[in-house]
PDB file of N, CA and C in Angstrom:
ATOM      1  N   MET A   1       0.859  -1.271   0.201  1.00  0.00           N
ATOM      2  CA  MET A   1       0.222   0.075  -0.204  1.00  0.00           C
ATOM      3  C   MET A   1       1.030   1.342  -0.108  1.00  0.00           C
ATOM      4  N   PHE A   2       2.166   1.270   0.746  1.00  0.00           N
ATOM      5  CA  PHE A   2       2.821   2.323   0.602  1.00  0.00           C
ATOM      6  C   PHE A   2       3.939   2.181  -0.371  1.00  0.00           C
ATOM      7  N   ASN A   3       4.101   1.140  -1.099  1.00  0.00           N
ATOM      8  CA  ASN A   3       5.155   1.178  -1.768  1.00  0.00           C
ATOM      9  C   ASN A   3       4.879   1.927  -3.151  1.00  0.00           C
ATOM     10  N   LYS A   4       3.757   2.840  -3.372  1.00  0.00           N
ATOM     11  CA  LYS A   4       2.949   2.558  -4.877  1.00  0.00           C
ATOM     12  C   LYS A   4       3.978   3.344  -5.502  1.00  0.00           C
ATOM     13  N   ASP A   5       5.394   4.199  -5.188  1.00  0.00           N
ATOM     14  CA  ASP A   5       6.100   5.263  -5.703  1.00  0.00           C
ATOM     15  C   ASP A   5       6.709   4.166  -6.247  1.00  0.00           C
ATOM     16  N   LYS A   6       7.297   3.284  -5.995  1.00  0.00           N
ATOM     17  CA  LYS A   6       8.403   2.309  -5.918  1.00  0.00           C
ATOM     18  C   LYS A   6       7.919   1.478  -7.662  1.00  0.00           C
ATOM     19  N   GLU A   7       6.191   0.937  -7.220  1.00  0.00           N
ATOM     20  CA  GLU A   7       5.768   0.290  -8.305  1.00  0.00           C
ATOM     21  C   GLU A   7       5.766   0.915 -10.312  1.00  0.00           C
ATOM     22  N   ARG A   8       5.170   0.016 -11.384  1.00  0.00           N
ATOM     23  CA  ARG A   8       5.168   0.672 -11.760  1.00  0.00           C
ATOM     24  C   ARG A   8       3.955   1.036 -12.831  1.00  0.00           C
ATOM     25  N   PRO A   9       3.941   2.104 -13.066  1.00  0.00           N
ATOM     26  CA  PRO A   9       2.572   2.540 -13.262  1.00  0.00           C
ATOM     27  C   PRO A   9       1.221   1.684 -14.098  1.00  0.00           C
ATOM     28  N   THR A  10       0.018   1.778 -13.719  1.00  0.00           N
ATOM     29  CA  THR A  10      -0.853   0.753 -14.261  1.00  0.00           C
ATOM     30  C   THR A  10      -0.995   1.350 -15.581  1.00  0.00           C
ATOM     31  N   ALA A  11      -0.316   2.765 -17.000  1.00  0.00           N
ATOM     32  CA  ALA A  11      -1.023   2.151 -18.408  1.00  0.00           C
ATOM     33  C   ALA A  11       0.010   1.765 -18.246  1.00  0.00           C
ATOM     34  N   ALA A  12       1.489   1.699 -18.588  1.00  0.00           N
ATOM     35  CA  ALA A  12       2.409   1.122 -18.929  1.00  0.00           C
ATOM     36  C   ALA A  12       1.912   0.002 -18.462  1.00  0.00           C
ATOM     37  N   THR A  13       1.809  -1.153 -17.307  1.00  0.00           N
ATOM     38  CA  THR A  13       1.228  -2.209 -17.722  1.00  0.00           C
ATOM     39  C   THR A  13       0.281  -2.994 -18.314  1.00  0.00           C
ATOM     40  N   ALA A  14      -0.911  -2.002 -18.984  1.00  0.00           N
ATOM     41  CA  ALA A  14      -1.552  -1.798 -19.582  1.00  0.00           C
ATOM     42  C   ALA A  14      -1.513  -2.001 -21.320  1.00  0.00           C
ATOM     43  N   ASP A  15      -0.427  -1.161 -21.572  1.00  0.00           N
ATOM     44  CA  ASP A  15      -0.030  -1.028 -22.743  1.00  0.00           C
ATOM     45  C   ASP A  15       0.516  -2.618 -23.069  1.00  0.00           C
ATOM     46  N   ASP A  16       1.194  -3.360 -21.996  1.00  0.00           N
ATOM     47  CA  ASP A  16       2.159  -3.994 -22.445  1.00  0.00           C
ATOM     48  C   ASP A  16       1.546  -5.738 -22.482  1.00  0.00           C
ATOM     49  N   ARG A  17       0.469  -5.578 -22.168  1.00  0.00           N
ATOM     50  CA  ARG A  17      -0.472  -6.409 -21.938  1.00  0.00           C
ATOM     51  C   ARG A  17      -1.203  -6.764 -23.511  1.00  0.00           C
ATOM     52  N   LEU A  18      -1.986  -4.843 -23.648  1.00  0.00           N
ATOM     53  CA  LEU A  18      -1.925  -5.162 -25.109  1.00  0.00           C
ATOM     54  C   LEU A  18      -1.065  -5.464 -26.156  1.00  0.00           C
ATOM     55  N   SER A  19      -0.117  -5.221 -25.920  1.00  0.00           N
ATOM     56  CA  SER A  19       0.964  -5.411 -27.294  1.00  0.00           C
ATOM     57  C   SER A  19       0.995  -6.964 -27.406  1.00  0.00           C
ATOM     58  N   LEU A  20       1.138  -7.441 -25.816  1.00  0.00           N
ATOM     59  CA  LEU A  20       0.851  -9.165 -25.618  1.00  0.00           C
ATOM     60  C   LEU A  20      -0.137  -9.810 -26.511  1.00  0.00           C
ATOM     61  N   VAL A  21      -1.475  -9.310 -25.939  1.00  0.00           N
ATOM     62  CA  VAL A  21      -2.474  -9.593 -27.124  1.00  0.00           C
ATOM     63  C   VAL A  21      -2.507  -9.942 -28.190  1.00  0.00           C
ATOM     64  N   LEU A  22      -2.183  -8.478 -28.938  1.00  0.00           N
ATOM     65  CA  LEU A  22      -2.628  -8.275 -30.637  1.00  0.00           C
ATOM     66  C   LEU A  22      -1.301  -9.365 -31.177  1.00  0.00           C
ATOM     67  N   SER A  23      -0.745  -8.966 -30.348  1.00  0.00           N
ATOM     68  CA  SER A  23       0.689 -10.061 -31.478  1.00  0.00           C
ATOM     69  C   SER A  23       0.376 -11.754 -30.894  1.00  0.00           C
ATOM     70  N   TYR A  24      -0.574 -11.901 -30.331  1.00  0.00           N
ATOM     71  CA  TYR A  24      -0.857 -13.645 -29.983  1.00  0.00           C
ATOM     72  C   TYR A  24      -1.715 -13.329 -30.873  1.00  0.00           C
ATOM     73  N   GLN A  25      -2.931 -12.237 -30.966  1.00  0.00           N
ATOM     74  CA  GLN A  25      -3.561 -12.198 -31.952  1.00  0.00           C
ATOM     75  C   GLN A  25      -4.123 -12.287 -33.430  1.00  0.00           C
ATOM     76  N   ARG A  26      -2.659 -11.953 -33.565  1.00  0.00           N
ATOM     77  CA  ARG A  26      -2.628 -11.429 -35.163  1.00  0.00           C
ATOM     78  C   ARG A  26      -1.876 -12.439 -35.950  1.00  0.00           C
ATOM     79  N   SER A  27      -1.819 -13.665 -35.162  1.00  0.00           N
ATOM     80  CA  SER A  27      -0.805 -15.122 -35.526  1.00  0.00           C
ATOM     81  C   SER A  27      -2.226 -16.087 -35.918  1.00  0.00           C
ATOM     82  N   ASP A  28      -2.916 -15.515 -35.940  1.00  0.00           N
ATOM     83  CA  ASP A  28      -4.382 -16.329 -36.201  1.00  0.00           C
ATOM     84  C   ASP A  28      -5.190 -15.910 -37.255  1.00  0.00           C
ATOM     85  N   ILE A  29      -4.815 -15.129 -37.513  1.00  0.00           N
ATOM     86  CA  ILE A  29      -5.475 -13.977 -39.137  1.00  0.00           C
ATOM     87  C   ILE A  29      -4.194 -14.409 -40.266  1.00  0.00           C
ATOM     88  N   ASP A  30      -4.501 -14.331 -41.354  1.00  0.00           N
ATOM     89  CA  ASP A  30      -4.011 -14.454 -42.710  1.00  0.00           C
ATOM     90  C   ASP A  30      -3.843 -13.105 -42.982  1.00  0.00           C
ATOM     91  N   GLU A  31      -2.426 -12.802 -43.102  1.00  0.00           N
ATOM     92  CA  GLU A  31      -2.016 -11.444 -43.866  1.00  0.00           C
ATOM     93  C   GLU A  31      -2.060 -10.990 -45.022  1.00  0.00           C
ATOM     94  N   ARG A  32      -2.054 -12.275 -46.039  1.00  0.00           N
ATOM     95  CA  ARG A  32      -2.611 -12.006 -47.492  1.00  0.00           C
ATOM     96  C   ARG A  32      -4.340 -11.299 -47.024  1.00  0.00           C
ATOM     97  N   LYS A  33      -4.530 -12.245 -46.009  1.00  0.00           N
ATOM     98  CA  LYS A  33      -6.585 -11.990 -46.350  1.00  0.00           C
ATOM     99  C   LYS A  33      -6.585 -10.338 -45.767  1.00  0.00           C
ATOM    100  N   LEU A  34      -6.095  -9.739 -45.128  1.00  0.00           N
ATOM    101  CA  LEU A  34      -5.662  -8.833 -43.994  1.00  0.00           C
ATOM    102  C   LEU A  34      -5.580  -7.899 -44.769  1.00  0.00           C
ATOM    103  N   LYS A  35      -4.099  -7.536 -45.509  1.00  0.00           N
ATOM    104  CA  LYS A  35      -4.058  -6.493 -46.853  1.00  0.00           C
ATOM    105  C   LYS A  35      -5.253  -6.456 -48.242  1.00  0.00           C
ATOM    106  N   LYS A  36      -5.469  -8.017 -48.543  1.00  0.00           N
ATOM    107  CA  LYS A  36      -6.897  -7.648 -49.559  1.00  0.00           C
ATOM    108  C   LYS A  36      -7.992  -6.569 -48.961  1.00  0.00           C
ATOM    109  N   PHE A  37      -8.123  -6.834 -47.746  1.00  0.00           N
ATOM    110  CA  PHE A  37      -9.686  -6.430 -46.629  1.00  0.00           C
ATOM    111  C   PHE A  37      -9.631  -4.830 -46.650  1.00  0.00           C
ATOM    112  N   GLN A  38      -7.767  -4.228 -46.484  1.00  0.00           N
ATOM    113  CA  GLN A  38      -7.154  -3.224 -46.123  1.00  0.00           C
ATOM    114  C   GLN A  38      -7.516  -2.085 -47.962  1.00  0.00           C
ATOM    115  N   GLY A  39      -7.334  -2.908 -49.154  1.00  0.00           N
ATOM    116  CA  GLY A  39      -7.608  -2.512 -49.860  1.00  0.00           C
ATOM    117  C   GLY A  39      -9.362  -2.474 -50.983  1.00  0.00           C
ATOM    118  N   ARG A  40      -9.754  -3.478 -50.283  1.00  0.00           N
ATOM    119  CA  ARG A  40     -11.233  -2.887 -50.209  1.00  0.00           C
ATOM    120  C   ARG A  40     -11.341  -2.071 -49.924  1.00  0.00           C
ATOM    121  N   LEU A  41     -11.423  -1.940 -48.420  1.00  0.00           N
ATOM    122  CA  LEU A  41     -11.873  -0.776 -47.157  1.00  0.00           C
ATOM    123  C   LEU A  41     -11.528   0.716 -48.267  1.00  0.00           C
ATOM    124  N   ILE A  42     -10.206   0.723 -49.002  1.00  0.00           N
ATOM    125  CA  ILE A  42     -10.033   2.097 -49.172  1.00  0.00           C
ATOM    126  C   ILE A  42     -10.583   2.528 -50.678  1.00  0.00           C
ATOM    127  N   GLU A  43     -11.302   1.264 -51.568  1.00  0.00           N
ATOM    128  CA  GLU A  43     -11.638   1.253 -52.740  1.00  0.00           C
ATOM    129  C   GLU A  43     -13.388   1.874 -52.088  1.00  0.00           C
ATOM    130  N   LEU A  44     -13.528   1.453 -50.757  1.00  0.00           N
ATOM    131  CA  LEU A  44     -14.701   1.628 -51.087  1.00  0.00           C
ATOM    132  C   LEU A  44     -14.871   3.353 -50.119  1.00  0.00           C
ATOM    133  N   CYS A  45     -14.358   3.611 -49.251  1.00  0.00           N
ATOM    134  CA  CYS A  45     -13.861   5.191 -49.095  1.00  0.00           C
ATOM    135  C   CYS A  45     -13.618   6.143 -50.388  1.00  0.00           C
ATOM    136  N   ASP A  46     -13.460   5.520 -51.313  1.00  0.00           N
ATOM    137  CA  ASP A  46     -13.338   5.929 -52.292  1.00  0.00           C
ATOM    138  C   ASP A  46     -14.619   6.220 -53.529  1.00  0.00           C
ATOM    139  N   GLU A  47     -15.509   5.179 -53.335  1.00  0.00           N
ATOM    140  CA  GLU A  47     -16.467   4.919 -54.192  1.00  0.00           C
ATOM    141  C   GLU A  47     -17.470   5.794 -52.779  1.00  0.00           C
ATOM    142  N   PHE A  48     -17.434   6.176 -52.029  1.00  0.00           N
ATOM    143  CA  PHE A  48     -17.980   6.741 -51.093  1.00  0.00           C
ATOM    144  C   PHE A  48     -18.143   8.647 -50.919  1.00  0.00           C
ATOM    145  N   GLY A  49     -16.544   8.871 -51.444  1.00  0.00           N
ATOM    146  CA  GLY A  49     -16.145  10.184 -52.058  1.00  0.00           C
ATOM    147  C   GLY A  49     -15.678  10.831 -50.412  1.00  0.00           C
ATOM    148  N   TYR A  50     -14.271   9.793 -49.860  1.00  0.00           N
ATOM    149  CA  TYR A  50     -13.714  10.052 -49.270  1.00  0.00           C
ATOM    150  C   TYR A  50     -12.392   9.808 -49.911  1.00  0.00           C
ATOM    151  N   ASP A  51     -11.476  10.918 -49.709  1.00  0.00           N
ATOM    152  CA  ASP A  51      -9.885  10.334 -49.463  1.00  0.00           C
ATOM    153  C   ASP A  51      -9.065  10.031 -48.520  1.00  0.00           C
ATOM    154  N   VAL A  52      -8.577   8.622 -49.094  1.00  0.00           N
ATOM    155  CA  VAL A  52      -8.073   8.327 -47.767  1.00  0.00           C
ATOM    156  C   VAL A  52      -6.440   9.308 -47.393  1.00  0.00           C
ATOM    157  N   VAL A  53      -6.243   9.510 -46.169  1.00  0.00           N
ATOM    158  CA  VAL A  53      -4.905  10.554 -46.191  1.00  0.00           C
ATOM    159  C   VAL A  53      -4.532  10.572 -45.343  1.00  0.00           C
ATOM    160  N   GLY A  54      -4.191   9.226 -44.826  1.00  0.00           N
ATOM    161  CA  GLY A  54      -3.071   8.971 -43.900  1.00  0.00           C
ATOM    162  C   GLY A  54      -2.637   6.804 -44.057  1.00  0.00           C
ATOM    163  N   GLN A  55      -2.096   6.225 -42.826  1.00  0.00           N
ATOM    164  CA  GLN A  55      -1.711   4.690 -42.920  1.00  0.00           C
ATOM    165  C   GLN A  55      -3.362   4.425 -42.340  1.00  0.00           C
ATOM    166  N   VAL A  56      -3.838   3.501 -43.108  1.00  0.00           N
ATOM    167  CA  VAL A  56      -4.535   2.141 -42.562  1.00  0.00           C
ATOM    168  C   VAL A  56      -4.503   1.172 -42.180  1.00  0.00           C
ATOM    169  N   GLU A  57      -5.040   1.697 -40.505  1.00  0.00           N
ATOM    170  CA  GLU A  57      -4.955   0.162 -39.439  1.00  0.00           C
ATOM    171  C   GLU A  57      -5.576  -0.841 -39.069  1.00  0.00           C
ATOM    172  N   ILE A  58      -5.717  -2.093 -39.251  1.00  0.00           N
ATOM    173  CA  ILE A  58      -6.984  -3.045 -39.345  1.00  0.00           C
ATOM    174  C   ILE A  58      -6.133  -3.854 -38.037  1.00  0.00           C
ATOM    175  N   ARG A  59      -7.282  -4.145 -37.059  1.00  0.00           N
ATOM    176  CA  ARG A  59      -6.575  -4.496 -35.430  1.00  0.00           C
ATOM    177  C   ARG A  59      -7.219  -5.531 -35.257  1.00  0.00           C
ATOM    178  N   PRO A  60      -7.096  -7.021 -35.107  1.00  0.00           N
ATOM    179  CA  PRO A  60      -8.525  -8.118 -35.282  1.00  0.00           C
ATOM    180  C   PRO A  60      -8.140  -8.584 -33.645  1.00  0.00           C
ATOM    181  N   GLN A  61      -8.814  -8.363 -32.985  1.00  0.00           N
ATOM    182  CA  GLN A  61      -8.702  -8.823 -31.908  1.00  0.00           C
ATOM    183  C   GLN A  61     -10.160 -10.224 -31.346  1.00  0.00           C
ATOM    184  N   SER A  62      -9.875 -10.533 -31.337  1.00  0.00           N
ATOM    185  CA  SER A  62      -9.997 -12.576 -30.374  1.00  0.00           C
ATOM    186  C   SER A  62     -11.247 -12.038 -29.423  1.00  0.00           C
ATOM    187  N   ARG A  63     -12.146 -12.956 -29.895  1.00  0.00           N
ATOM    188  CA  ARG A  63     -13.183 -12.927 -28.859  1.00  0.00           C
ATOM    189  C   ARG A  63     -13.751 -14.013 -28.066  1.00  0.00           C
ATOM    190  N   GLN A  64     -13.208 -15.134 -26.719  1.00  0.00           N
ATOM    191  CA  GLN A  64     -13.294 -16.184 -26.923  1.00  0.00           C
ATOM    192  C   GLN A  64     -14.302 -16.627 -26.539  1.00  0.00           C
ATOM    193  N   ARG A  65     -15.786 -15.513 -25.610  1.00  0.00           N
ATOM    194  CA  ARG A  65     -17.059 -16.293 -25.622  1.00  0.00           C
ATOM    195  C   ARG A  65     -17.411 -16.461 -26.453  1.00  0.00           C
ATOM    196  N   ASP A  66     -17.375 -16.092 -27.704  1.00  0.00           N
ATOM    197  CA  ASP A  66     -18.504 -16.582 -28.945  1.00  0.00           C
ATOM    198  C   ASP A  66     -17.471 -17.223 -29.722  1.00  0.00           C
ATOM    199  N   ASN A  67     -16.041 -17.314 -29.431  1.00  0.00           N
ATOM    200  CA  ASN A  67     -14.997 -17.642 -30.574  1.00  0.00           C
ATOM    201  C   ASN A  67     -15.212 -16.827 -31.552  1.00  0.00           C
ATOM    202  N   THR A  68     -15.001 -15.746 -31.787  1.00  0.00           N
ATOM    203  CA  THR A  68     -15.337 -14.905 -32.954  1.00  0.00           C
ATOM    204  C   THR A  68     -14.094 -13.938 -33.031  1.00  0.00           C
ATOM    205  N   THR A  69     -13.698 -13.059 -34.389  1.00  0.00           N
ATOM    206  CA  THR A  69     -12.646 -12.474 -34.139  1.00  0.00           C
ATOM    207  C   THR A  69     -13.551 -11.438 -34.734  1.00  0.00           C
ATOM    208  N   VAL A  70     -12.852  -9.502 -34.034  1.00  0.00           N
ATOM    209  CA  VAL A  70     -13.100  -8.524 -34.727  1.00  0.00           C
ATOM    210  C   VAL A  70     -12.286  -7.573 -35.112  1.00  0.00           C
ATOM    211  N   LEU A  71     -12.492  -7.312 -35.921  1.00  0.00           N
ATOM    212  CA  LEU A  71     -11.346  -6.046 -36.986  1.00  0.00           C
ATOM    213  C   LEU A  71     -11.722  -4.348 -36.466  1.00  0.00           C
ATOM    214  N   ASN A  72     -10.621  -4.404 -36.032  1.00  0.00           N
ATOM    215  CA  ASN A  72     -10.867  -2.724 -35.749  1.00  0.00           C
ATOM    216  C   ASN A  72      -9.847  -2.289 -36.763  1.00  0.00           C
ATOM    217  N   ALA A  73     -10.836  -1.374 -37.866  1.00  0.00           N
ATOM    218  CA  ALA A  73     -10.006  -0.642 -38.518  1.00  0.00           C
ATOM    219  C   ALA A  73     -10.286   0.824 -38.100  1.00  0.00           C
ATOM    220  N   SER A  74      -9.048   1.019 -38.858  1.00  0.00           N
ATOM    221  CA  SER A  74      -8.486   3.173 -38.241  1.00  0.00           C
ATOM    222  C   SER A  74      -8.911   3.760 -39.652  1.00  0.00           C
ATOM    223  N   ILE A  75      -9.234   4.219 -40.004  1.00  0.00           N
ATOM    224  CA  ILE A  75      -9.023   4.761 -41.986  1.00  0.00           C
ATOM    225  C   ILE A  75      -9.239   6.181 -41.625  1.00  0.00           C
ATOM    226  N   PRO A  76      -7.937   7.464 -41.580  1.00  0.00           N
ATOM    227  CA  PRO A  76      -8.051   8.724 -42.168  1.00  0.00           C
ATOM    228  C   PRO A  76      -8.550   9.281 -42.701  1.00  0.00           C
ATOM    229  N   VAL A  77      -9.483  10.368 -43.392  1.00  0.00           N
ATOM    230  CA  VAL A  77     -10.084   9.901 -44.441  1.00  0.00           C
ATOM    231  C   VAL A  77     -10.561  11.555 -44.428  1.00  0.00           C
ATOM    232  N   ARG A  78     -10.445  12.451 -45.711  1.00  0.00           N
ATOM    233  CA  ARG A  78     -11.208  13.788 -45.243  1.00  0.00           C
ATOM    234  C   ARG A  78     -12.347  13.221 -46.362  1.00  0.00           C
ATOM    235  N   LEU A  79     -13.726  14.191 -46.130  1.00  0.00           N
ATOM    236  CA  LEU A  79     -14.550  14.501 -47.568  1.00  0.00           C
ATOM    237  C   LEU A  79     -14.123  14.893 -48.748  1.00  0.00           C
ATOM    238  N   ARG A  80     -13.900  14.932 -49.838  1.00  0.00           N
ATOM    239  CA  ARG A  80     -13.589  14.933 -51.022  1.00  0.00           C
ATOM    240  C   ARG A  80     -14.762  16.211 -51.500  1.00  0.00           C
ATOM    241  N   ASP A  81     -13.354  17.629 -51.787  1.00  0.00           N
ATOM    242  CA  ASP A  81     -15.161  18.352 -52.246  1.00  0.00           C
ATOM    243  C   ASP A  81     -15.675  18.265 -53.381  1.00  0.00           C
ATOM    244  N   SER A  82     -16.613  18.848 -53.725  1.00  0.00           N
ATOM    245  CA  SER A  82     -17.666  18.991 -54.792  1.00  0.00           C
ATOM    246  C   SER A  82     -16.339  18.797 -56.253  1.00  0.00           C
ATOM    247  N   GLU A  83     -15.412  20.188 -56.283  1.00  0.00           N
ATOM    248  CA  GLU A  83     -14.396  20.410 -57.599  1.00  0.00           C
ATOM    249  C   GLU A  83     -13.990  18.593 -57.959  1.00  0.00           C
ATOM    250  N   ASP A  84     -12.972  18.258 -56.588  1.00  0.00           N
ATOM    251  CA  ASP A  84     -12.662  16.291 -56.672  1.00  0.00           C
ATOM    252  C   ASP A  84     -13.460  15.940 -57.524  1.00  0.00           C
ATOM    253  N   GLU A  85     -15.166  16.059 -56.670  1.00  0.00           N
ATOM    254  CA  GLU A  85     -15.368  14.857 -57.565  1.00  0.00           C
ATOM    255  C   GLU A  85     -15.632  15.287 -59.759  1.00  0.00           C
ATOM    256  N   LYS A  86     -16.087  16.047 -59.387  1.00  0.00           N
ATOM    257  CA  LYS A  86     -16.185  16.639 -60.387  1.00  0.00           C
ATOM    258  C   LYS A  86     -14.979  15.463 -61.367  1.00  0.00           C
ATOM    259  N   ARG A  87     -13.810  16.569 -61.289  1.00  0.00           N
ATOM    260  CA  ARG A  87     -12.833  16.693 -61.921  1.00  0.00           C
ATOM    261  C   ARG A  87     -12.396  14.216 -61.613  1.00  0.00           C
ATOM    262  N   ALA A  88     -13.024  13.657 -60.828  1.00  0.00           N
ATOM    263  CA  ALA A  88     -12.552  12.455 -61.058  1.00  0.00           C
ATOM    264  C   ALA A  88     -13.689  12.176 -61.809  1.00  0.00           C
ATOM    265  N   GLY A  89     -14.968  12.302 -61.824  1.00  0.00           N
ATOM    266  CA  GLY A  89     -15.665  11.494 -62.392  1.00  0.00           C
ATOM    267  C   GLY A  89     -15.538  12.256 -64.150  1.00  0.00           C
ATOM    268  N   SER A  90     -14.899  12.623 -64.786  1.00  0.00           N
ATOM    269  CA  SER A  90     -14.717  13.711 -65.735  1.00  0.00           C
ATOM    270  C   SER A  90     -13.709  12.171 -66.600  1.00  0.00           C
TER     271      SER A  90
END
């Protein structure tokens, strides 16, 4: 109780635990399928009028209770303005 100053911060422990879980879960996912999925997400953004403006990240997470995998995608996008859409459509 009084040794809290000497203990490792909770956030650092949580980060380590998360890194371990993610590296374990990634081994269960076919990397080629993830790359194809990533490419399709970029195509969909384009079809819906968004420009992808950064790195697309896909993080698989396994759920033990129902034996499924959840894919969390982070896609930085910018709404394409109407002038860009007119030029792209021409």
